[in-house]
Amino acid sequence: MEYAKEDAIKKFKDLVHEVNICMFTTIDDHNRLFSRPMSTAKIDEEGNAWFFTNEFSEKIQEVSRDNSVYLIYSHPGKNIYVNVKGTCAVILNRKKIDELWNPLLKAWFPGGKDDPKLCLVKVVTEEANYWNSNSGSMGVYFKMLKAIANREKYTEKDVGKLKL
């Protein structure tokens, strides 16, 4: 299904809202993929994903060499899966940090939003592939059984690519 840009951004925001945690994947200095879980602070009105991190972390070193990243969202309980390709930038903007700050982040940043090492990573989303069955595990299971009984191939109803 082809979406207009505004609709693609809304779809992306809705899918990520359901999952929130992604595997943030970078390319290390040996050209290997490296993933780590990260919580999405926000998907903005342009479809960019925002994250908090330590300015001196390994991931920041990796994106300084190659700013291509992949975000992999997965919620098996709701059968929502999203694979995002994008480019990122490190943002050192105290106003934006204040805007996106959540007190729960103190678990990772004990110095709070005034921590001098705190920064944001903005991922400009180029495209996102998604799979969303719109039903829980039992619903998917019964649809699979129905496909087997009818000698049909099981297919997801809500699958696509979002160009942002």
N, C-alpha and C. Protein backbone atom coordinates (compact mmCIF):
# COMPACT_ATOMS: atom_id res chain seq x y z
N MET A 1 0.84 -1.18 0.00
CA MET A 1 0.00 0.00 0.00
C MET A 1 0.89 1.24 0.00
N GLU A 2 0.57 2.19 -0.85
CA GLU A 2 1.33 3.43 -0.95
C GLU A 2 0.63 4.50 -0.13
N TYR A 3 1.39 5.15 0.75
CA TYR A 3 0.84 6.18 1.62
C TYR A 3 1.35 7.55 1.19
N ALA A 4 0.50 8.57 1.33
CA ALA A 4 0.97 9.95 1.21
C ALA A 4 1.91 10.20 2.39
N LYS A 5 2.80 11.16 2.26
CA LYS A 5 3.82 11.38 3.30
C LYS A 5 3.20 11.60 4.68
N GLU A 6 2.17 12.42 4.78
CA GLU A 6 1.54 12.69 6.09
C GLU A 6 0.95 11.40 6.67
N ASP A 7 0.33 10.59 5.83
CA ASP A 7 -0.26 9.33 6.28
C ASP A 7 0.83 8.33 6.67
N ALA A 8 1.94 8.33 5.94
CA ALA A 8 3.07 7.44 6.26
C ALA A 8 3.65 7.80 7.62
N ILE A 9 3.78 9.10 7.90
CA ILE A 9 4.31 9.54 9.20
C ILE A 9 3.34 9.14 10.32
N LYS A 10 2.05 9.32 10.10
CA LYS A 10 1.06 8.93 11.12
C LYS A 10 1.11 7.43 11.38
N LYS A 11 1.19 6.64 10.33
CA LYS A 11 1.27 5.19 10.46
C LYS A 11 2.52 4.81 11.25
N PHE A 12 3.65 5.41 10.90
CA PHE A 12 4.91 5.15 11.58
C PHE A 12 4.81 5.50 13.06
N LYS A 13 4.26 6.67 13.37
CA LYS A 13 4.11 7.10 14.76
C LYS A 13 3.22 6.12 15.54
N ASP A 14 2.13 5.69 14.93
CA ASP A 14 1.21 4.75 15.59
C ASP A 14 1.90 3.42 15.88
N LEU A 15 2.64 2.90 14.91
CA LEU A 15 3.33 1.62 15.10
C LEU A 15 4.38 1.72 16.20
N VAL A 16 5.20 2.77 16.18
CA VAL A 16 6.27 2.93 17.17
C VAL A 16 5.70 3.19 18.56
N HIS A 17 4.59 3.92 18.63
CA HIS A 17 3.95 4.17 19.92
C HIS A 17 3.59 2.86 20.62
N GLU A 18 3.19 1.87 19.84
CA GLU A 18 2.83 0.57 20.40
C GLU A 18 4.04 -0.19 20.91
N VAL A 19 5.22 0.05 20.35
CA VAL A 19 6.41 -0.73 20.68
C VAL A 19 7.37 0.07 21.56
N ASN A 20 7.76 1.26 21.14
CA ASN A 20 8.63 2.21 21.83
C ASN A 20 10.10 1.80 21.95
N ILE A 21 10.41 0.58 22.37
CA ILE A 21 11.81 0.15 22.49
C ILE A 21 12.25 -0.47 21.16
N CYS A 22 13.42 -0.06 20.71
CA CYS A 22 13.94 -0.63 19.46
C CYS A 22 15.35 -1.14 19.70
N MET A 23 15.82 -1.92 18.76
CA MET A 23 17.24 -2.27 18.70
C MET A 23 17.85 -1.25 17.76
N PHE A 24 18.67 -0.38 18.35
CA PHE A 24 19.32 0.71 17.63
C PHE A 24 20.61 0.14 17.07
N THR A 25 20.70 0.01 15.76
CA THR A 25 21.80 -0.71 15.11
C THR A 25 22.71 0.25 14.34
N THR A 26 24.00 0.15 14.66
CA THR A 26 25.02 0.96 14.01
C THR A 26 26.04 0.04 13.35
N ILE A 27 26.99 0.65 12.67
CA ILE A 27 28.08 -0.11 12.04
C ILE A 27 29.35 0.26 12.79
N ASP A 28 30.03 -0.77 13.36
CA ASP A 28 31.23 -0.48 14.16
C ASP A 28 32.45 -0.28 13.27
N ASP A 29 33.60 -0.04 13.89
CA ASP A 29 34.81 0.27 13.11
C ASP A 29 35.38 -0.93 12.36
N HIS A 30 34.79 -2.12 12.54
CA HIS A 30 35.19 -3.31 11.78
C HIS A 30 34.12 -3.67 10.74
N ASN A 31 33.23 -2.71 10.45
CA ASN A 31 32.12 -2.89 9.51
C ASN A 31 31.16 -3.99 9.92
N ARG A 32 31.02 -4.21 11.22
CA ARG A 32 30.04 -5.16 11.74
C ARG A 32 28.85 -4.40 12.30
N LEU A 33 27.68 -5.01 12.20
CA LEU A 33 26.49 -4.41 12.80
C LEU A 33 26.53 -4.62 14.30
N PHE A 34 26.15 -3.59 15.04
CA PHE A 34 26.06 -3.70 16.50
C PHE A 34 24.74 -3.08 16.93
N SER A 35 23.96 -3.84 17.70
CA SER A 35 22.64 -3.39 18.15
C SER A 35 22.59 -3.30 19.66
N ARG A 36 21.82 -2.33 20.12
CA ARG A 36 21.56 -2.19 21.54
C ARG A 36 20.14 -1.66 21.71
N PRO A 37 19.46 -2.06 22.81
CA PRO A 37 18.08 -1.58 23.01
C PRO A 37 18.09 -0.11 23.42
N MET A 38 17.17 0.64 22.85
CA MET A 38 17.01 2.05 23.21
C MET A 38 15.54 2.42 23.19
N SER A 39 15.17 3.29 24.08
CA SER A 39 13.80 3.78 24.18
C SER A 39 13.63 5.02 23.30
N THR A 40 12.60 5.03 22.51
CA THR A 40 12.32 6.16 21.64
C THR A 40 11.70 7.28 22.46
N ALA A 41 12.34 8.44 22.47
CA ALA A 41 11.81 9.58 23.22
C ALA A 41 10.60 10.19 22.50
N LYS A 42 10.68 10.23 21.17
CA LYS A 42 9.59 10.84 20.40
C LYS A 42 9.78 10.54 18.92
N ILE A 43 8.66 10.45 18.21
CA ILE A 43 8.64 10.52 16.75
C ILE A 43 8.01 11.86 16.44
N ASP A 44 8.76 12.74 15.81
CA ASP A 44 8.24 14.10 15.59
C ASP A 44 7.32 14.17 14.37
N GLU A 45 6.86 15.37 14.09
CA GLU A 45 5.89 15.58 13.01
C GLU A 45 6.47 15.32 11.62
N GLU A 46 7.79 15.24 11.51
CA GLU A 46 8.43 14.94 10.22
C GLU A 46 8.80 13.47 10.09
N GLY A 47 8.51 12.67 11.14
CA GLY A 47 8.83 11.25 11.12
C GLY A 47 10.23 10.94 11.61
N ASN A 48 10.91 11.90 12.23
CA ASN A 48 12.24 11.66 12.80
C ASN A 48 12.09 11.01 14.17
N ALA A 49 12.97 10.07 14.48
CA ALA A 49 12.98 9.41 15.79
C ALA A 49 14.04 10.06 16.66
N TRP A 50 13.71 10.31 17.93
CA TRP A 50 14.61 10.98 18.87
C TRP A 50 14.94 10.04 20.02
N PHE A 51 16.21 10.06 20.44
CA PHE A 51 16.70 9.23 21.52
C PHE A 51 17.63 10.04 22.43
N PHE A 52 17.67 9.71 23.70
CA PHE A 52 18.65 10.27 24.63
C PHE A 52 19.82 9.30 24.73
N THR A 53 21.03 9.84 24.87
CA THR A 53 22.21 9.01 25.07
C THR A 53 23.33 9.84 25.70
N ASN A 54 24.42 9.16 25.98
CA ASN A 54 25.63 9.78 26.49
C ASN A 54 26.46 10.23 25.28
N GLU A 55 26.84 11.48 25.28
CA GLU A 55 27.60 12.03 24.15
C GLU A 55 28.92 11.30 23.90
N PHE A 56 29.44 10.62 24.91
CA PHE A 56 30.74 9.96 24.77
C PHE A 56 30.61 8.44 24.67
N SER A 57 29.42 7.96 24.35
CA SER A 57 29.18 6.52 24.24
C SER A 57 29.76 5.95 22.95
N GLU A 58 29.87 4.64 22.94
CA GLU A 58 30.40 3.95 21.75
C GLU A 58 29.52 4.19 20.53
N LYS A 59 28.20 4.23 20.73
CA LYS A 59 27.31 4.43 19.59
C LYS A 59 27.55 5.78 18.92
N ILE A 60 27.87 6.80 19.74
CA ILE A 60 28.16 8.12 19.18
C ILE A 60 29.45 8.08 18.37
N GLN A 61 30.44 7.35 18.84
CA GLN A 61 31.68 7.18 18.06
C GLN A 61 31.38 6.49 16.74
N GLU A 62 30.51 5.46 16.78
CA GLU A 62 30.17 4.72 15.56
C GLU A 62 29.42 5.60 14.56
N VAL A 63 28.45 6.37 15.03
CA VAL A 63 27.70 7.20 14.08
C VAL A 63 28.50 8.40 13.61
N SER A 64 29.58 8.72 14.31
CA SER A 64 30.46 9.78 13.84
C SER A 64 31.23 9.32 12.61
N ARG A 65 31.49 8.02 12.50
CA ARG A 65 32.18 7.45 11.34
C ARG A 65 31.20 7.17 10.20
N ASP A 66 30.04 6.63 10.55
CA ASP A 66 29.03 6.27 9.55
C ASP A 66 27.67 6.54 10.19
N ASN A 67 26.96 7.55 9.71
CA ASN A 67 25.72 7.93 10.37
C ASN A 67 24.50 7.14 9.90
N SER A 68 24.72 6.06 9.17
CA SER A 68 23.62 5.17 8.80
C SER A 68 23.24 4.32 10.00
N VAL A 69 21.95 4.26 10.29
CA VAL A 69 21.48 3.43 11.40
C VAL A 69 20.22 2.68 10.97
N TYR A 70 19.96 1.62 11.72
CA TYR A 70 18.73 0.84 11.55
C TYR A 70 18.07 0.75 12.91
N LEU A 71 16.77 0.93 12.93
CA LEU A 71 15.99 0.80 14.14
C LEU A 71 15.04 -0.37 13.93
N ILE A 72 15.11 -1.34 14.83
CA ILE A 72 14.29 -2.54 14.68
C ILE A 72 13.36 -2.64 15.87
N TYR A 73 12.07 -2.42 15.61
CA TYR A 73 11.03 -2.47 16.63
C TYR A 73 10.31 -3.81 16.52
N SER A 74 10.01 -4.41 17.67
CA SER A 74 9.34 -5.71 17.66
C SER A 74 8.45 -5.84 18.88
N HIS A 75 7.19 -6.17 18.65
CA HIS A 75 6.25 -6.44 19.74
C HIS A 75 5.51 -7.74 19.37
N PRO A 76 6.11 -8.91 19.71
CA PRO A 76 5.47 -10.17 19.33
C PRO A 76 4.07 -10.34 19.90
N GLY A 77 3.80 -9.82 21.09
CA GLY A 77 2.47 -9.95 21.69
C GLY A 77 1.38 -9.28 20.88
N LYS A 78 1.73 -8.21 20.19
CA LYS A 78 0.77 -7.50 19.35
C LYS A 78 1.03 -7.74 17.87
N ASN A 79 2.05 -8.54 17.56
CA ASN A 79 2.42 -8.85 16.18
C ASN A 79 2.69 -7.59 15.36
N ILE A 80 3.49 -6.70 15.96
CA ILE A 80 3.91 -5.47 15.28
C ILE A 80 5.43 -5.54 15.12
N TYR A 81 5.88 -5.33 13.89
CA TYR A 81 7.31 -5.36 13.59
C TYR A 81 7.61 -4.22 12.62
N VAL A 82 8.66 -3.45 12.92
CA VAL A 82 9.02 -2.32 12.07
C VAL A 82 10.55 -2.30 11.93
N ASN A 83 11.02 -2.17 10.71
CA ASN A 83 12.45 -2.06 10.42
C ASN A 83 12.67 -0.71 9.74
N VAL A 84 13.47 0.15 10.37
CA VAL A 84 13.67 1.52 9.89
C VAL A 84 15.09 1.69 9.40
N LYS A 85 15.24 2.35 8.27
CA LYS A 85 16.56 2.75 7.77
C LYS A 85 16.60 4.26 7.83
N GLY A 86 17.71 4.79 8.40
CA GLY A 86 17.81 6.24 8.48
C GLY A 86 19.24 6.70 8.68
N THR A 87 19.38 8.00 8.79
CA THR A 87 20.67 8.61 9.11
C THR A 87 20.49 9.43 10.37
N CYS A 88 21.57 9.54 11.14
CA CYS A 88 21.39 10.24 12.41
C CYS A 88 22.40 11.34 12.60
N ALA A 89 22.03 12.21 13.54
CA ALA A 89 22.88 13.33 13.92
C ALA A 89 22.82 13.46 15.44
N VAL A 90 23.93 13.88 16.02
CA VAL A 90 24.00 14.15 17.45
C VAL A 90 23.53 15.58 17.66
N ILE A 91 22.59 15.77 18.59
CA ILE A 91 22.01 17.09 18.84
C ILE A 91 22.34 17.51 20.27
N LEU A 92 23.02 18.62 20.39
CA LEU A 92 23.37 19.21 21.69
C LEU A 92 22.56 20.49 21.85
N ASN A 93 21.29 20.33 22.16
CA ASN A 93 20.37 21.46 22.24
C ASN A 93 19.60 21.36 23.55
N ARG A 94 19.93 22.18 24.53
CA ARG A 94 19.31 22.11 25.86
C ARG A 94 17.80 22.35 25.81
N LYS A 95 17.34 23.21 24.91
CA LYS A 95 15.89 23.45 24.79
C LYS A 95 15.18 22.17 24.35
N LYS A 96 15.76 21.46 23.37
CA LYS A 96 15.15 20.22 22.88
C LYS A 96 15.23 19.13 23.96
N ILE A 97 16.34 19.08 24.71
CA ILE A 97 16.46 18.12 25.81
C ILE A 97 15.36 18.39 26.84
N ASP A 98 15.14 19.65 27.19
CA ASP A 98 14.08 20.00 28.14
C ASP A 98 12.71 19.57 27.60
N GLU A 99 12.49 19.78 26.31
CA GLU A 99 11.21 19.43 25.68
C GLU A 99 10.93 17.93 25.75
N LEU A 100 11.95 17.10 25.51
CA LEU A 100 11.76 15.65 25.42
C LEU A 100 12.02 14.91 26.73
N TRP A 101 12.54 15.60 27.73
CA TRP A 101 12.94 14.94 28.98
C TRP A 101 11.76 14.27 29.67
N ASN A 102 12.03 13.09 30.21
CA ASN A 102 11.07 12.32 31.01
C ASN A 102 11.79 11.97 32.31
N PRO A 103 11.19 12.20 33.48
CA PRO A 103 11.87 11.92 34.75
C PRO A 103 12.36 10.47 34.89
N LEU A 104 11.74 9.53 34.20
CA LEU A 104 12.19 8.13 34.26
C LEU A 104 13.59 7.96 33.68
N LEU A 105 14.03 8.90 32.86
CA LEU A 105 15.36 8.82 32.27
C LEU A 105 16.47 8.95 33.31
N LYS A 106 16.12 9.41 34.51
CA LYS A 106 17.13 9.53 35.57
C LYS A 106 17.73 8.16 35.92
N ALA A 107 17.05 7.08 35.59
CA ALA A 107 17.60 5.73 35.83
C ALA A 107 18.89 5.54 35.02
N TRP A 108 18.97 6.16 33.85
CA TRP A 108 20.17 6.05 33.01
C TRP A 108 21.06 7.28 33.11
N PHE A 109 20.46 8.39 33.47
CA PHE A 109 21.19 9.65 33.57
C PHE A 109 20.93 10.26 34.96
N PRO A 110 21.63 9.75 35.99
CA PRO A 110 21.38 10.20 37.37
C PRO A 110 21.54 11.70 37.57
N GLY A 111 22.33 12.36 36.73
CA GLY A 111 22.51 13.81 36.82
C GLY A 111 21.33 14.58 36.26
N GLY A 112 20.33 13.85 35.75
CA GLY A 112 19.14 14.50 35.20
C GLY A 112 19.40 15.18 33.87
N LYS A 113 18.48 16.04 33.51
CA LYS A 113 18.58 16.70 32.20
C LYS A 113 19.71 17.71 32.12
N ASP A 114 20.34 18.01 33.27
CA ASP A 114 21.48 18.93 33.27
C ASP A 114 22.82 18.19 33.20
N ASP A 115 22.77 16.87 33.07
CA ASP A 115 24.00 16.07 32.94
C ASP A 115 24.79 16.59 31.73
N PRO A 116 26.04 16.99 31.93
CA PRO A 116 26.81 17.56 30.81
C PRO A 116 27.10 16.55 29.69
N LYS A 117 26.97 15.25 29.94
CA LYS A 117 27.22 14.23 28.90
C LYS A 117 25.97 13.89 28.12
N LEU A 118 24.83 14.38 28.57
CA LEU A 118 23.55 14.06 27.94
C LEU A 118 23.42 14.74 26.58
N CYS A 119 23.01 13.96 25.60
CA CYS A 119 22.73 14.52 24.27
C CYS A 119 21.56 13.78 23.66
N LEU A 120 21.13 14.25 22.53
CA LEU A 120 20.06 13.60 21.77
C LEU A 120 20.63 13.04 20.48
N VAL A 121 20.02 11.99 20.02
CA VAL A 121 20.30 11.47 18.69
C VAL A 121 19.00 11.60 17.90
N LYS A 122 19.10 12.26 16.78
CA LYS A 122 17.95 12.43 15.88
C LYS A 122 18.17 11.52 14.68
N VAL A 123 17.25 10.59 14.46
CA VAL A 123 17.32 9.71 13.30
C VAL A 123 16.32 10.21 12.27
N VAL A 124 16.86 10.63 11.14
CA VAL A 124 16.01 11.04 10.02
C VAL A 124 15.62 9.76 9.29
N THR A 125 14.36 9.44 9.38
CA THR A 125 13.85 8.19 8.81
C THR A 125 13.74 8.30 7.30
N GLU A 126 14.42 7.39 6.62
CA GLU A 126 14.33 7.37 5.15
C GLU A 126 13.19 6.48 4.70
N GLU A 127 13.13 5.29 5.28
CA GLU A 127 12.02 4.39 4.98
C GLU A 127 11.84 3.41 6.13
N ALA A 128 10.64 2.88 6.21
CA ALA A 128 10.32 1.91 7.24
C ALA A 128 9.49 0.80 6.62
N ASN A 129 9.90 -0.43 6.86
CA ASN A 129 9.10 -1.59 6.46
C ASN A 129 8.38 -2.08 7.70
N TYR A 130 7.12 -2.47 7.56
CA TYR A 130 6.37 -2.91 8.73
C TYR A 130 5.50 -4.12 8.42
N TRP A 131 5.24 -4.85 9.49
CA TRP A 131 4.34 -6.00 9.47
C TRP A 131 3.47 -5.85 10.70
N ASN A 132 2.16 -5.82 10.50
CA ASN A 132 1.23 -5.60 11.61
C ASN A 132 0.00 -6.44 11.35
N SER A 133 -0.18 -7.50 12.12
CA SER A 133 -1.30 -8.40 11.85
C SER A 133 -2.62 -7.89 12.40
N ASN A 134 -2.59 -6.84 13.21
CA ASN A 134 -3.79 -6.26 13.80
C ASN A 134 -4.54 -7.22 14.72
N SER A 135 -3.88 -8.26 15.18
CA SER A 135 -4.51 -9.14 16.15
C SER A 135 -3.43 -9.77 17.02
N GLY A 136 -3.83 -10.22 18.18
CA GLY A 136 -2.90 -10.84 19.10
C GLY A 136 -2.45 -12.20 18.64
N SER A 137 -1.65 -12.85 19.44
CA SER A 137 -1.08 -14.15 19.09
C SER A 137 -2.14 -15.19 18.78
N MET A 138 -3.20 -15.22 19.58
CA MET A 138 -4.25 -16.22 19.35
C MET A 138 -4.97 -15.95 18.02
N GLY A 139 -5.20 -14.68 17.71
CA GLY A 139 -5.83 -14.35 16.43
C GLY A 139 -4.99 -14.80 15.26
N VAL A 140 -3.69 -14.57 15.34
CA VAL A 140 -2.78 -15.01 14.28
C VAL A 140 -2.79 -16.53 14.18
N TYR A 141 -2.76 -17.19 15.33
CA TYR A 141 -2.76 -18.66 15.36
C TYR A 141 -4.00 -19.21 14.65
N PHE A 142 -5.17 -18.64 14.94
CA PHE A 142 -6.39 -19.14 14.30
C PHE A 142 -6.42 -18.82 12.81
N LYS A 143 -5.88 -17.69 12.41
CA LYS A 143 -5.80 -17.38 10.98
C LYS A 143 -4.87 -18.36 10.27
N MET A 144 -3.80 -18.76 10.95
CA MET A 144 -2.87 -19.74 10.38
C MET A 144 -3.57 -21.09 10.24
N LEU A 145 -4.30 -21.49 11.27
CA LEU A 145 -5.03 -22.76 11.20
C LEU A 145 -6.06 -22.75 10.07
N LYS A 146 -6.74 -21.61 9.92
CA LYS A 146 -7.72 -21.48 8.84
C LYS A 146 -7.04 -21.64 7.48
N ALA A 147 -5.87 -21.00 7.32
CA ALA A 147 -5.13 -21.11 6.06
C ALA A 147 -4.73 -22.56 5.80
N ILE A 148 -4.30 -23.27 6.84
CA ILE A 148 -3.92 -24.68 6.69
C ILE A 148 -5.14 -25.50 6.29
N ALA A 149 -6.26 -25.30 6.99
CA ALA A 149 -7.48 -26.06 6.71
C ALA A 149 -7.98 -25.81 5.29
N ASN A 150 -7.83 -24.59 4.81
CA ASN A 150 -8.30 -24.24 3.46
C ASN A 150 -7.24 -24.43 2.39
N ARG A 151 -6.08 -24.98 2.80
CA ARG A 151 -4.97 -25.19 1.89
C ARG A 151 -4.57 -23.92 1.15
N GLU A 152 -4.51 -22.85 1.94
CA GLU A 152 -4.12 -21.54 1.42
C GLU A 152 -2.85 -21.09 2.11
N LYS A 153 -2.21 -20.12 1.53
CA LYS A 153 -1.03 -19.54 2.16
C LYS A 153 -1.47 -18.46 3.13
N TYR A 154 -0.91 -18.50 4.34
CA TYR A 154 -1.19 -17.45 5.33
C TYR A 154 -0.46 -16.18 4.93
N THR A 155 -1.17 -15.07 4.91
CA THR A 155 -0.54 -13.79 4.61
C THR A 155 -1.01 -12.75 5.61
N GLU A 156 -0.11 -11.83 5.91
CA GLU A 156 -0.45 -10.70 6.77
C GLU A 156 -1.29 -9.72 5.96
N LYS A 157 -2.21 -9.06 6.61
CA LYS A 157 -3.06 -8.09 5.91
C LYS A 157 -2.47 -6.69 5.91
N ASP A 158 -1.67 -6.35 6.89
CA ASP A 158 -1.16 -5.01 6.99
C ASP A 158 0.37 -5.03 6.95
N VAL A 159 0.89 -5.04 5.74
CA VAL A 159 2.33 -5.10 5.50
C VAL A 159 2.66 -4.02 4.49
N GLY A 160 3.78 -3.35 4.68
CA GLY A 160 4.11 -2.34 3.68
C GLY A 160 5.41 -1.63 3.94
N LYS A 161 5.67 -0.66 3.09
CA LYS A 161 6.86 0.18 3.17
C LYS A 161 6.40 1.62 3.25
N LEU A 162 6.97 2.34 4.21
CA LEU A 162 6.66 3.75 4.37
C LEU A 162 7.86 4.56 3.92
N LYS A 163 7.68 5.42 2.96
CA LYS A 163 8.76 6.31 2.51
C LYS A 163 8.55 7.65 3.19
N LEU A 164 9.49 7.99 4.06
CA LEU A 164 9.34 9.21 4.84
C LEU A 164 10.32 10.26 4.34
